[in-house]
Amino acid sequence: MSTRLGTALLCTMLLCIVTSNSFSQIPNSGFENWTNGNPDGWATSNVDPVVVNVTKTSVSHTGAYALRGDVVSLFTGSVQPIIQVGPEGRGFAYNQQPAMFTGYYEYFPQSGDRFAINVGLYKGGIDGILVAIAAAALPTAISSYTQFSAPFVYQTNDTPDTCIVQIQIVGPSTGSDYHIGSYFILDDIALSGTVGVSEETENIPTIIQLKQNYPNPFNPNSTIAFDLPKATYVTLTIYNTLGQQIVTLVDAQHQPGRYDVQFDGSKLTSGVYLYRLTADGFTQTKKMLLLK
């Protein structure tokens, strides 16, 4: 086998994609259910017994299990971990317009490898219209569970019928130059928020605005909303009252629109927390109260 086995497996899965009709939400989104070494509802890069680089782990964010993906050696080369949702990676039925793809992860990269997320929403199946895409390639080492957030960029006003989720490790430059020893742990992925896609200019916000979270006080989940009048890079970060960073919820380029971001405070203690939005030279901070 060649050093490009992971890429070849990915291409094989993509060629197999057809319209899905089995699920309305992400199947097995917490990776609790496994059969014969693979997460139920997902295709993986495992080719047992030659390559097993997607495995079950008890290091979970919630529940009993999470998913671990490792770059492993094979003969003189390496194989990247790849997961793609649906039987044979065909995706699942989905007919909403989410704002974000989110999840919780730990990441231990080697030599600049990146944790890569690609989510596509389609109308008419994978061979139809691409409605929206969410993507990120995260290079930073994360040693404890942290929430990531990849915003959707909408290409059309259509309502999708199919969602494809693909997660893998890619190399720092060509994507295929990944390194043995890089691995991620993934749990509790979700499609969250809603975005109203419209060509009418009156529906586009006129100013950057960070809104008060709701509900507030909250336990343990709350929604943080913000408005963008133009395309810009956005960060949304949670701090404690000592100024210590708790989690970055958003760290990506966004299109104009109104966004809702979900915050999970289940692992935090009761108290006051701060959330800060930075976008296009604008910074605003608000308080929220977690009561358990």
C-alpha atoms as a PDB file:
ATOM      1  CA  MET A   1       0.000   0.000   0.000  1.00  0.00           C
ATOM      2  CA  SER A   2       1.120   3.582  -0.677  1.00  0.00           C
ATOM      3  CA  THR A   3       1.573   6.505   1.678  1.00  0.00           C
ATOM      4  CA  ARG A   4      -1.627   7.967   0.205  1.00  0.00           C
ATOM      5  CA  LEU A   5      -3.897   5.202   1.496  1.00  0.00           C
ATOM      6  CA  GLY A   6      -5.870   7.680   3.649  1.00  0.00           C
ATOM      7  CA  THR A   7      -6.488   9.931   0.652  1.00  0.00           C
ATOM      8  CA  ALA A   8      -7.441   6.982  -1.513  1.00  0.00           C
ATOM      9  CA  LEU A   9      -9.926   5.809   1.109  1.00  0.00           C
ATOM     10  CA  LEU A  10     -11.424   9.294   1.227  1.00  0.00           C
ATOM     11  CA  CYS A  11     -11.810   9.395  -2.560  1.00  0.00           C
ATOM     12  CA  THR A  12     -13.472   5.971  -2.470  1.00  0.00           C
ATOM     13  CA  MET A  13     -15.963   7.176   0.117  1.00  0.00           C
ATOM     14  CA  LEU A  14     -16.741  10.331  -1.839  1.00  0.00           C
ATOM     15  CA  LEU A  15     -17.379   8.339  -4.995  1.00  0.00           C
ATOM     16  CA  CYS A  16     -19.862   6.197  -3.088  1.00  0.00           C
ATOM     17  CA  ILE A  17     -21.936   9.147  -1.834  1.00  0.00           C
ATOM     18  CA  VAL A  18     -25.585   9.190  -2.898  1.00  0.00           C
ATOM     19  CA  THR A  19     -28.697  10.799  -1.507  1.00  0.00           C
ATOM     20  CA  SER A  20     -29.353   9.712   2.068  1.00  0.00           C
ATOM     21  CA  ASN A  21     -32.812   9.012   3.450  1.00  0.00           C
ATOM     22  CA  SER A  22     -32.321   7.511   6.889  1.00  0.00           C
ATOM     23  CA  PHE A  23     -31.794  10.275   9.479  1.00  0.00           C
ATOM     24  CA  SER A  24     -33.121  13.718  10.395  1.00  0.00           C
ATOM     25  CA  GLN A  25     -30.312  14.513  12.860  1.00  0.00           C
ATOM     26  CA  ILE A  26     -26.623  13.595  12.997  1.00  0.00           C
ATOM     27  CA  PRO A  27     -26.579   9.851  13.675  1.00  0.00           C
ATOM     28  CA  ASN A  28     -24.664   8.668  16.726  1.00  0.00           C
ATOM     29  CA  SER A  29     -23.448  12.223  17.333  1.00  0.00           C
ATOM     30  CA  GLY A  30     -21.985  11.325  20.729  1.00  0.00           C
ATOM     31  CA  PHE A  31     -20.242   8.193  19.377  1.00  0.00           C
ATOM     32  CA  GLU A  32     -21.819   6.028  22.064  1.00  0.00           C
ATOM     33  CA  ASN A  33     -22.720   3.114  19.785  1.00  0.00           C
ATOM     34  CA  TRP A  34     -20.125   0.925  18.057  1.00  0.00           C
ATOM     35  CA  THR A  35     -20.287  -2.296  16.036  1.00  0.00           C
ATOM     36  CA  ASN A  36     -17.267  -4.359  15.015  1.00  0.00           C
ATOM     37  CA  GLY A  37     -14.867  -1.581  15.947  1.00  0.00           C
ATOM     38  CA  ASN A  38     -16.639   1.198  14.004  1.00  0.00           C
ATOM     39  CA  PRO A  39     -19.053   3.930  15.179  1.00  0.00           C
ATOM     40  CA  ASP A  40     -22.617   3.161  14.133  1.00  0.00           C
ATOM     41  CA  GLY A  41     -23.817   5.407  11.325  1.00  0.00           C
ATOM     42  CA  TRP A  42     -20.330   6.366  10.139  1.00  0.00           C
ATOM     43  CA  ALA A  43     -17.818   5.204   7.532  1.00  0.00           C
ATOM     44  CA  THR A  44     -14.179   5.255   8.651  1.00  0.00           C
ATOM     45  CA  SER A  45     -10.665   4.740   7.310  1.00  0.00           C
ATOM     46  CA  ASN A  46     -10.429   1.439   9.199  1.00  0.00           C
ATOM     47  CA  VAL A  47      -9.487  -1.508   6.976  1.00  0.00           C
ATOM     48  CA  ASP A  48      -9.296  -4.277   9.555  1.00  0.00           C
ATOM     49  CA  PRO A  49      -6.799  -5.845  10.138  1.00  0.00           C
ATOM     50  CA  VAL A  50      -4.490  -3.812   7.888  1.00  0.00           C
ATOM     51  CA  VAL A  51      -5.347  -0.358   9.269  1.00  0.00           C
ATOM     52  CA  VAL A  52      -7.301   0.482  12.434  1.00  0.00           C
ATOM     53  CA  ASN A  53      -6.879   4.180  13.155  1.00  0.00           C
ATOM     54  CA  VAL A  54     -10.411   5.154  14.256  1.00  0.00           C
ATOM     55  CA  THR A  55     -11.229   3.699  17.674  1.00  0.00           C
ATOM     56  CA  LYS A  56     -13.553   4.014  20.663  1.00  0.00           C
ATOM     57  CA  THR A  57     -12.221   5.785  23.763  1.00  0.00           C
ATOM     58  CA  SER A  58     -13.628   6.260  27.262  1.00  0.00           C
ATOM     59  CA  VAL A  59     -12.081   9.755  27.416  1.00  0.00           C
ATOM     60  CA  SER A  60     -15.454  11.350  26.702  1.00  0.00           C
ATOM     61  CA  HIS A  61     -16.943  14.815  26.987  1.00  0.00           C
ATOM     62  CA  THR A  62     -20.308  13.347  27.991  1.00  0.00           C
ATOM     63  CA  GLY A  63     -21.600   9.778  28.089  1.00  0.00           C
ATOM     64  CA  ALA A  64     -19.409   6.700  28.172  1.00  0.00           C
ATOM     65  CA  TYR A  65     -17.457   6.979  24.915  1.00  0.00           C
ATOM     66  CA  ALA A  66     -15.947   9.294  22.345  1.00  0.00           C
ATOM     67  CA  LEU A  67     -14.141   8.753  19.031  1.00  0.00           C
ATOM     68  CA  ARG A  68     -10.365   8.796  18.609  1.00  0.00           C
ATOM     69  CA  GLY A  69      -8.564   9.165  15.267  1.00  0.00           C
ATOM     70  CA  ASP A  70      -4.819   8.530  14.877  1.00  0.00           C
ATOM     71  CA  VAL A  71      -2.316   8.959  12.061  1.00  0.00           C
ATOM     72  CA  VAL A  72      -0.638   5.535  12.047  1.00  0.00           C
ATOM     73  CA  SER A  73       2.241   3.922  10.230  1.00  0.00           C
ATOM     74  CA  LEU A  74       1.789   1.444   7.393  1.00  0.00           C
ATOM     75  CA  PHE A  75       4.890  -0.131   5.912  1.00  0.00           C
ATOM     76  CA  THR A  76       7.016   2.902   4.927  1.00  0.00           C
ATOM     77  CA  GLY A  77       4.152   5.392   4.935  1.00  0.00           C
ATOM     78  CA  SER A  78       1.314   6.711   7.060  1.00  0.00           C
ATOM     79  CA  VAL A  79      -2.482   6.639   7.077  1.00  0.00           C
ATOM     80  CA  GLN A  80      -4.698   9.534   8.190  1.00  0.00           C
ATOM     81  CA  PRO A  81      -7.894   8.967  10.209  1.00  0.00           C
ATOM     82  CA  ILE A  82     -11.083   9.818   8.288  1.00  0.00           C
ATOM     83  CA  ILE A  83     -14.711   9.627   9.344  1.00  0.00           C
ATOM     84  CA  GLN A  84     -17.696  10.434   7.120  1.00  0.00           C
ATOM     85  CA  VAL A  85     -21.301  10.292   8.200  1.00  0.00           C
ATOM     86  CA  GLY A  86     -23.850   7.798   6.927  1.00  0.00           C
ATOM     87  CA  PRO A  87     -23.698   4.186   5.719  1.00  0.00           C
ATOM     88  CA  GLU A  88     -20.689   4.015   3.380  1.00  0.00           C
ATOM     89  CA  GLY A  89     -20.272   7.760   3.977  1.00  0.00           C
ATOM     90  CA  ARG A  90     -23.473   8.655   2.103  1.00  0.00           C
ATOM     91  CA  GLY A  91     -24.628  11.325   4.552  1.00  0.00           C
ATOM     92  CA  PHE A  92     -28.051  11.711   6.149  1.00  0.00           C
ATOM     93  CA  ALA A  93     -31.345  13.467   5.416  1.00  0.00           C
ATOM     94  CA  TYR A  94     -31.498  17.019   6.765  1.00  0.00           C
ATOM     95  CA  ASN A  95     -33.828  19.900   5.827  1.00  0.00           C
ATOM     96  CA  GLN A  96     -32.921  22.868   8.022  1.00  0.00           C
ATOM     97  CA  GLN A  97     -30.583  25.886   7.667  1.00  0.00           C
ATOM     98  CA  PRO A  98     -28.166  25.735  10.627  1.00  0.00           C
ATOM     99  CA  ALA A  99     -25.744  28.520  11.496  1.00  0.00           C
ATOM    100  CA  MET A 100     -22.956  26.380  12.908  1.00  0.00           C
ATOM    101  CA  PHE A 101     -21.418  22.937  13.054  1.00  0.00           C
ATOM    102  CA  THR A 102     -20.091  22.431  16.583  1.00  0.00           C
ATOM    103  CA  GLY A 103     -18.468  19.753  18.688  1.00  0.00           C
ATOM    104  CA  TYR A 104     -16.008  19.069  21.470  1.00  0.00           C
ATOM    105  CA  TYR A 105     -12.490  17.858  20.803  1.00  0.00           C
ATOM    106  CA  GLU A 106      -8.970  17.318  22.063  1.00  0.00           C
ATOM    107  CA  TYR A 107      -6.114  17.510  19.588  1.00  0.00           C
ATOM    108  CA  PHE A 108      -2.475  16.397  19.746  1.00  0.00           C
ATOM    109  CA  PRO A 109      -0.754  17.331  16.463  1.00  0.00           C
ATOM    110  CA  GLN A 110       2.718  16.531  15.196  1.00  0.00           C
ATOM    111  CA  SER A 111       4.722  18.912  12.978  1.00  0.00           C
ATOM    112  CA  GLY A 112       1.877  21.292  12.164  1.00  0.00           C
ATOM    113  CA  ASP A 113      -0.818  18.746  11.257  1.00  0.00           C
ATOM    114  CA  ARG A 114      -4.370  20.121  11.270  1.00  0.00           C
ATOM    115  CA  PHE A 115      -7.720  18.858  12.552  1.00  0.00           C
ATOM    116  CA  ALA A 116      -9.929  19.303   9.476  1.00  0.00           C
ATOM    117  CA  ILE A 117     -13.717  19.702   9.367  1.00  0.00           C
ATOM    118  CA  ASN A 118     -15.822  19.756   6.203  1.00  0.00           C
ATOM    119  CA  VAL A 119     -19.625  19.842   6.284  1.00  0.00           C
ATOM    120  CA  GLY A 120     -21.784  20.255   3.190  1.00  0.00           C
ATOM    121  CA  LEU A 121     -25.526  20.827   2.873  1.00  0.00           C
ATOM    122  CA  TYR A 122     -27.039  19.769  -0.471  1.00  0.00           C
ATOM    123  CA  LYS A 123     -30.386  19.959  -2.238  1.00  0.00           C
ATOM    124  CA  GLY A 124     -31.008  16.939  -4.452  1.00  0.00           C
ATOM    125  CA  GLY A 125     -28.326  14.833  -2.804  1.00  0.00           C
ATOM    126  CA  ILE A 126     -24.588  15.084  -3.262  1.00  0.00           C
ATOM    127  CA  ASP A 127     -24.995  15.365  -7.021  1.00  0.00           C
ATOM    128  CA  GLY A 128     -27.424  18.247  -6.617  1.00  0.00           C
ATOM    129  CA  ILE A 129     -27.015  21.865  -5.514  1.00  0.00           C
ATOM    130  CA  LEU A 130     -24.461  22.779  -2.845  1.00  0.00           C
ATOM    131  CA  VAL A 131     -26.502  24.961  -0.489  1.00  0.00           C
ATOM    132  CA  ALA A 132     -23.928  25.691   2.221  1.00  0.00           C
ATOM    133  CA  ILE A 133     -20.536  24.614   3.506  1.00  0.00           C
ATOM    134  CA  ALA A 134     -18.822  24.790   6.907  1.00  0.00           C
ATOM    135  CA  ALA A 135     -15.092  24.160   7.060  1.00  0.00           C
ATOM    136  CA  ALA A 136     -12.147  24.596   9.406  1.00  0.00           C
ATOM    137  CA  ALA A 137      -8.565  23.360   9.705  1.00  0.00           C
ATOM    138  CA  LEU A 138      -7.398  23.738  13.309  1.00  0.00           C
ATOM    139  CA  PRO A 139      -3.626  23.408  13.979  1.00  0.00           C
ATOM    140  CA  THR A 140      -3.471  24.215  17.699  1.00  0.00           C
ATOM    141  CA  ALA A 141      -2.854  21.512  20.305  1.00  0.00           C
ATOM    142  CA  ILE A 142      -5.826  21.164  22.690  1.00  0.00           C
ATOM    143  CA  SER A 143      -5.175  19.003  25.768  1.00  0.00           C
ATOM    144  CA  SER A 144      -8.654  19.196  27.336  1.00  0.00           C
ATOM    145  CA  TYR A 145     -12.115  19.170  25.813  1.00  0.00           C
ATOM    146  CA  THR A 146     -12.793  22.421  23.961  1.00  0.00           C
ATOM    147  CA  GLN A 147     -15.771  23.366  21.843  1.00  0.00           C
ATOM    148  CA  PHE A 148     -15.110  24.177  18.190  1.00  0.00           C
ATOM    149  CA  SER A 149     -17.522  26.059  15.975  1.00  0.00           C
ATOM    150  CA  ALA A 150     -17.482  26.108  12.150  1.00  0.00           C
ATOM    151  CA  PRO A 151     -19.974  28.591  10.638  1.00  0.00           C
ATOM    152  CA  PHE A 152     -21.935  27.756   7.504  1.00  0.00           C
ATOM    153  CA  VAL A 153     -21.439  29.921   4.441  1.00  0.00           C
ATOM    154  CA  TYR A 154     -24.605  29.789   2.319  1.00  0.00           C
ATOM    155  CA  GLN A 155     -24.364  29.670  -1.459  1.00  0.00           C
ATOM    156  CA  THR A 156     -28.104  29.651  -2.215  1.00  0.00           C
ATOM    157  CA  ASN A 157     -31.477  30.256  -0.543  1.00  0.00           C
ATOM    158  CA  ASP A 158     -32.518  26.620  -1.037  1.00  0.00           C
ATOM    159  CA  THR A 159     -33.547  24.328   1.797  1.00  0.00           C
ATOM    160  CA  PRO A 160     -31.155  21.346   1.832  1.00  0.00           C
ATOM    161  CA  ASP A 161     -32.177  17.702   1.954  1.00  0.00           C
ATOM    162  CA  THR A 162     -28.793  16.048   2.598  1.00  0.00           C
ATOM    163  CA  CYS A 163     -25.912  16.688   5.001  1.00  0.00           C
ATOM    164  CA  ILE A 164     -22.385  15.341   4.596  1.00  0.00           C
ATOM    165  CA  VAL A 165     -19.988  15.530   7.574  1.00  0.00           C
ATOM    166  CA  GLN A 166     -16.333  14.627   7.106  1.00  0.00           C
ATOM    167  CA  ILE A 167     -13.583  14.915   9.742  1.00  0.00           C
ATOM    168  CA  GLN A 168      -9.932  13.961   9.348  1.00  0.00           C
ATOM    169  CA  ILE A 169      -6.326  14.956  10.034  1.00  0.00           C
ATOM    170  CA  VAL A 170      -4.482  16.712   7.213  1.00  0.00           C
ATOM    171  CA  GLY A 171      -0.902  17.847   6.847  1.00  0.00           C
ATOM    172  CA  PRO A 172       0.372  21.417   7.291  1.00  0.00           C
ATOM    173  CA  SER A 173       0.947  22.226   3.615  1.00  0.00           C
ATOM    174  CA  THR A 174      -0.275  19.765   0.977  1.00  0.00           C
ATOM    175  CA  GLY A 175      -2.865  18.072   3.173  1.00  0.00           C
ATOM    176  CA  SER A 176      -1.356  14.652   2.497  1.00  0.00           C
ATOM    177  CA  ASP A 177       1.867  15.360   4.433  1.00  0.00           C
ATOM    178  CA  TYR A 178       0.407  14.285   7.798  1.00  0.00           C
ATOM    179  CA  HIS A 179       2.627  12.813  10.495  1.00  0.00           C
ATOM    180  CA  ILE A 180       2.570   9.625  12.541  1.00  0.00           C
ATOM    181  CA  GLY A 181       1.515  10.291  16.130  1.00  0.00           C
ATOM    182  CA  SER A 182      -1.037  13.048  15.459  1.00  0.00           C
ATOM    183  CA  TYR A 183      -4.441  12.219  16.931  1.00  0.00           C
ATOM    184  CA  PHE A 184      -7.773  13.773  17.916  1.00  0.00           C
ATOM    185  CA  ILE A 185     -10.610  12.854  20.259  1.00  0.00           C
ATOM    186  CA  LEU A 186     -14.116  13.932  19.217  1.00  0.00           C
ATOM    187  CA  ASP A 187     -17.475  13.985  20.986  1.00  0.00           C
ATOM    188  CA  ASP A 188     -20.919  15.604  20.994  1.00  0.00           C
ATOM    189  CA  ILE A 189     -21.058  17.083  17.499  1.00  0.00           C
ATOM    190  CA  ALA A 190     -24.139  19.079  16.475  1.00  0.00           C
ATOM    191  CA  LEU A 191     -25.756  21.344  13.924  1.00  0.00           C
ATOM    192  CA  SER A 192     -26.854  24.419  15.838  1.00  0.00           C
ATOM    193  CA  GLY A 193     -28.556  27.758  15.429  1.00  0.00           C
ATOM    194  CA  THR A 194     -30.407  28.974  12.386  1.00  0.00           C
ATOM    195  CA  VAL A 195     -29.567  31.430   9.649  1.00  0.00           C
ATOM    196  CA  GLY A 196     -32.192  33.056   7.472  1.00  0.00           C
ATOM    197  CA  VAL A 197     -30.612  33.267   4.014  1.00  0.00           C
ATOM    198  CA  SER A 198     -32.090  36.106   1.954  1.00  0.00           C
ATOM    199  CA  GLU A 199     -31.026  38.390  -0.831  1.00  0.00           C
ATOM    200  CA  GLU A 200     -33.118  41.236   0.594  1.00  0.00           C
ATOM    201  CA  THR A 201     -30.719  43.871   1.932  1.00  0.00           C
ATOM    202  CA  GLU A 202     -33.110  44.918   4.695  1.00  0.00           C
ATOM    203  CA  ASN A 203     -32.567  41.526   6.324  1.00  0.00           C
ATOM    204  CA  ILE A 204     -28.816  42.106   6.616  1.00  0.00           C
ATOM    205  CA  PRO A 205     -27.782  43.775   9.914  1.00  0.00           C
ATOM    206  CA  THR A 206     -26.523  47.347   9.627  1.00  0.00           C
ATOM    207  CA  ILE A 207     -24.117  47.237  12.616  1.00  0.00           C
ATOM    208  CA  ILE A 208     -22.007  44.718  14.479  1.00  0.00           C
ATOM    209  CA  GLN A 209     -23.890  43.816  17.611  1.00  0.00           C
ATOM    210  CA  LEU A 210     -23.354  41.362  20.465  1.00  0.00           C
ATOM    211  CA  LYS A 211     -26.643  40.512  22.135  1.00  0.00           C
ATOM    212  CA  GLN A 212     -27.400  39.406  25.678  1.00  0.00           C
ATOM    213  CA  ASN A 213     -27.333  35.644  26.024  1.00  0.00           C
ATOM    214  CA  TYR A 214     -30.620  33.837  26.556  1.00  0.00           C
ATOM    215  CA  PRO A 215     -31.777  32.434  28.831  1.00  0.00           C
ATOM    216  CA  ASN A 216     -29.905  34.355  31.490  1.00  0.00           C
ATOM    217  CA  PRO A 217     -29.426  33.125  34.199  1.00  0.00           C
ATOM    218  CA  PHE A 218     -28.988  29.689  32.592  1.00  0.00           C
ATOM    219  CA  ASN A 219     -28.327  26.052  33.496  1.00  0.00           C
ATOM    220  CA  PRO A 220     -26.379  24.626  31.770  1.00  0.00           C
ATOM    221  CA  ASN A 221     -27.016  25.811  28.163  1.00  0.00           C
ATOM    222  CA  SER A 222     -27.459  29.274  26.734  1.00  0.00           C
ATOM    223  CA  THR A 223     -27.497  30.943  23.317  1.00  0.00           C
ATOM    224  CA  ILE A 224     -25.247  33.865  22.395  1.00  0.00           C
ATOM    225  CA  ALA A 225     -26.377  35.863  19.355  1.00  0.00           C
ATOM    226  CA  PHE A 226     -24.493  38.416  17.276  1.00  0.00           C
ATOM    227  CA  ASP A 227     -25.031  40.401  14.076  1.00  0.00           C
ATOM    228  CA  LEU A 228     -22.582  41.111  11.256  1.00  0.00           C
ATOM    229  CA  PRO A 229     -23.218  43.711   8.537  1.00  0.00           C
ATOM    230  CA  LYS A 230     -20.371  42.481   6.320  1.00  0.00           C
ATOM    231  CA  ALA A 231     -17.990  39.564   5.883  1.00  0.00           C
ATOM    232  CA  THR A 232     -15.303  39.600   8.553  1.00  0.00           C
ATOM    233  CA  TYR A 233     -13.227  37.394  10.860  1.00  0.00           C
ATOM    234  CA  VAL A 234     -14.948  36.751  14.189  1.00  0.00           C
ATOM    235  CA  THR A 235     -13.861  35.465  17.574  1.00  0.00           C
ATOM    236  CA  LEU A 236     -16.257  34.774  20.436  1.00  0.00           C
ATOM    237  CA  THR A 237     -14.575  33.767  23.682  1.00  0.00           C
ATOM    238  CA  ILE A 238     -15.759  32.910  27.203  1.00  0.00           C
ATOM    239  CA  TYR A 239     -13.795  34.120  30.267  1.00  0.00           C
ATOM    240  CA  ASN A 240     -14.169  33.826  34.014  1.00  0.00           C
ATOM    241  CA  THR A 241     -14.168  36.936  36.215  1.00  0.00           C
ATOM    242  CA  LEU A 242     -10.397  36.585  36.723  1.00  0.00           C
ATOM    243  CA  GLY A 243      -9.910  37.110  33.005  1.00  0.00           C
ATOM    244  CA  GLN A 244      -8.907  33.494  32.385  1.00  0.00           C
ATOM    245  CA  GLN A 245     -10.038  32.085  29.034  1.00  0.00           C
ATOM    246  CA  ILE A 246     -12.511  29.214  29.348  1.00  0.00           C
ATOM    247  CA  VAL A 247     -13.296  28.389  25.726  1.00  0.00           C
ATOM    248  CA  THR A 248     -13.333  29.974  22.275  1.00  0.00           C
ATOM    249  CA  LEU A 249     -16.723  29.308  20.674  1.00  0.00           C
ATOM    250  CA  VAL A 250     -16.061  31.017  17.334  1.00  0.00           C
ATOM    251  CA  ASP A 251     -12.764  31.642  15.556  1.00  0.00           C
ATOM    252  CA  ALA A 252     -13.420  31.887  11.819  1.00  0.00           C
ATOM    253  CA  GLN A 253     -14.421  34.044   8.860  1.00  0.00           C
ATOM    254  CA  HIS A 254     -18.177  34.793   8.710  1.00  0.00           C
ATOM    255  CA  GLN A 255     -20.517  36.135   6.060  1.00  0.00           C
ATOM    256  CA  PRO A 256     -23.008  38.946   6.820  1.00  0.00           C
ATOM    257  CA  GLY A 257     -25.979  37.776   8.852  1.00  0.00           C
ATOM    258  CA  ARG A 258     -27.393  36.996  12.252  1.00  0.00           C
ATOM    259  CA  TYR A 259     -25.820  34.121  14.170  1.00  0.00           C
ATOM    260  CA  ASP A 260     -26.796  32.038  17.208  1.00  0.00           C
ATOM    261  CA  VAL A 261     -24.043  30.168  19.055  1.00  0.00           C
ATOM    262  CA  GLN A 262     -24.754  27.512  21.658  1.00  0.00           C
ATOM    263  CA  PHE A 263     -22.768  27.543  24.925  1.00  0.00           C
ATOM    264  CA  ASP A 264     -22.616  24.491  27.208  1.00  0.00           C
ATOM    265  CA  GLY A 265     -21.702  25.298  30.816  1.00  0.00           C
ATOM    266  CA  SER A 266     -22.292  21.796  32.175  1.00  0.00           C
ATOM    267  CA  LYS A 267     -18.669  21.402  33.332  1.00  0.00           C
ATOM    268  CA  LEU A 268     -18.414  24.837  34.940  1.00  0.00           C
ATOM    269  CA  THR A 269     -19.283  25.934  38.461  1.00  0.00           C
ATOM    270  CA  SER A 270     -22.029  28.429  39.217  1.00  0.00           C
ATOM    271  CA  GLY A 271     -21.052  32.060  38.870  1.00  0.00           C
ATOM    272  CA  VAL A 272     -20.615  35.046  36.598  1.00  0.00           C
ATOM    273  CA  TYR A 273     -18.855  34.560  33.242  1.00  0.00           C
ATOM    274  CA  LEU A 274     -17.915  37.010  30.510  1.00  0.00           C
ATOM    275  CA  TYR A 275     -18.281  36.562  26.763  1.00  0.00           C
ATOM    276  CA  ARG A 276     -16.389  38.746  24.303  1.00  0.00           C
ATOM    277  CA  LEU A 277     -16.981  39.309  20.590  1.00  0.00           C
ATOM    278  CA  THR A 278     -14.195  40.676  18.367  1.00  0.00           C
ATOM    279  CA  ALA A 279     -14.892  41.472  14.705  1.00  0.00           C
ATOM    280  CA  ASP A 280     -13.551  44.047  12.237  1.00  0.00           C
ATOM    281  CA  GLY A 281     -11.942  46.195  14.965  1.00  0.00           C
ATOM    282  CA  PHE A 282     -15.068  45.972  17.146  1.00  0.00           C
ATOM    283  CA  THR A 283     -14.875  44.438  20.642  1.00  0.00           C
ATOM    284  CA  GLN A 284     -17.720  44.064  23.116  1.00  0.00           C
ATOM    285  CA  THR A 285     -18.012  42.104  26.350  1.00  0.00           C
ATOM    286  CA  LYS A 286     -21.147  41.078  28.240  1.00  0.00           C
ATOM    287  CA  LYS A 287     -21.848  39.189  31.463  1.00  0.00           C
ATOM    288  CA  MET A 288     -23.880  36.017  31.934  1.00  0.00           C
ATOM    289  CA  LEU A 289     -24.856  34.084  35.058  1.00  0.00           C
ATOM    290  CA  LEU A 290     -24.675  30.302  35.406  1.00  0.00           C
ATOM    291  CA  LEU A 291     -26.863  28.973  38.242  1.00  0.00           C
ATOM    292  CA  LYS A 292     -26.853  25.276  39.119  1.00  0.00           C
END
